[in-house]
Amino acid sequence: MNRIPRRLFLRAALGAGCGLAVLCPGALRAQLPWPFVPQQTPDAQRSALEGVRSQVNWLLNATRTAPSYGAGG
């Protein structure tokens, strides 16, 4: 049984994908839509930002004090 060369298969797949994108652009999506709408109030954004800042500060503190642990770090 003859096998299809890999380069020919890749070209055919790329051509099919491009053809699908041209003919019906709504069919191809990079990501699925969110199943819910996140909260976008100023308080919710502020709370999310404080959570990120807290995690970044924890990471900075852990990396700053790691050299003092020596071989046990």
Protein backbone atom coordinates (compact mmCIF):
# COMPACT_ATOMS: atom_id res chain seq x y z
CA MET A 1 0.00 0.00 0.00
CA ASN A 2 1.38 3.37 -0.99
CA ARG A 3 1.63 5.98 1.73
CA ILE A 4 0.88 9.63 1.10
CA PRO A 5 4.06 11.69 1.51
CA ARG A 6 4.00 13.83 4.62
CA ARG A 7 4.66 17.06 2.75
CA LEU A 8 1.72 16.40 0.44
CA PHE A 9 -0.55 15.64 3.40
CA LEU A 10 0.50 18.84 5.22
CA ARG A 11 -0.09 20.93 2.11
CA ALA A 12 -3.53 19.40 1.62
CA ALA A 13 -4.46 20.00 5.27
CA LEU A 14 -3.25 23.59 5.11
CA GLY A 15 -5.15 24.15 1.88
CA ALA A 16 -8.33 22.70 3.37
CA GLY A 17 -7.97 24.90 6.46
CA CYS A 18 -7.40 28.03 4.37
CA GLY A 19 -10.32 27.15 2.13
CA LEU A 20 -12.59 26.70 5.13
CA ALA A 21 -11.40 30.01 6.58
CA VAL A 22 -12.17 31.82 3.33
CA LEU A 23 -15.54 30.21 2.65
CA CYS A 24 -16.99 30.43 6.17
CA PRO A 25 -14.78 32.50 8.49
CA GLY A 26 -17.11 32.03 11.48
CA ALA A 27 -16.46 28.27 11.53
CA LEU A 28 -12.90 28.55 12.79
CA ARG A 29 -12.35 29.84 16.31
CA ALA A 30 -9.16 30.22 18.28
CA GLN A 31 -10.98 29.86 21.59
CA LEU A 32 -14.40 28.87 22.76
CA PRO A 33 -16.49 31.73 24.16
CA TRP A 34 -16.71 32.14 27.93
CA PRO A 35 -19.67 30.31 29.45
CA PHE A 36 -20.27 33.26 31.77
CA VAL A 37 -19.59 36.98 31.84
CA PRO A 38 -17.09 37.90 34.55
CA GLN A 39 -17.91 40.71 36.95
CA GLN A 40 -16.68 44.03 35.69
CA THR A 41 -17.61 46.41 38.46
CA PRO A 42 -14.84 48.66 39.77
CA ASP A 43 -14.90 46.83 43.12
CA ALA A 44 -14.50 43.45 41.42
CA GLN A 45 -11.60 44.74 39.33
CA ARG A 46 -9.94 46.26 42.40
CA SER A 47 -10.33 43.01 44.30
CA ALA A 48 -8.85 41.00 41.43
CA LEU A 49 -5.92 43.42 41.18
CA GLU A 50 -5.26 43.15 44.93
CA GLY A 51 -5.25 39.35 44.60
CA VAL A 52 -2.68 39.49 41.80
CA ARG A 53 -0.54 41.96 43.77
CA SER A 54 -0.67 39.70 46.80
CA GLN A 55 0.51 36.70 44.78
CA VAL A 56 3.29 38.71 43.13
CA ASN A 57 4.46 40.02 46.51
CA TRP A 58 4.49 36.46 47.88
CA LEU A 59 6.60 35.32 44.90
CA LEU A 60 9.01 38.26 45.25
CA ASN A 61 9.41 37.59 48.96
CA ALA A 62 10.02 33.88 48.37
CA THR A 63 12.67 34.54 45.72
CA ARG A 64 14.28 37.29 47.77
CA THR A 65 14.74 35.11 50.86
CA ALA A 66 15.59 31.86 49.03
CA PRO A 67 19.40 32.40 48.99
CA SER A 68 19.44 32.49 52.81
CA TYR A 69 18.22 28.90 52.92
CA GLY A 70 21.49 27.58 51.51
CA ALA A 71 21.39 23.95 50.38
CA GLY A 72 18.11 23.33 52.22
CA GLY A 73 16.19 25.85 50.10
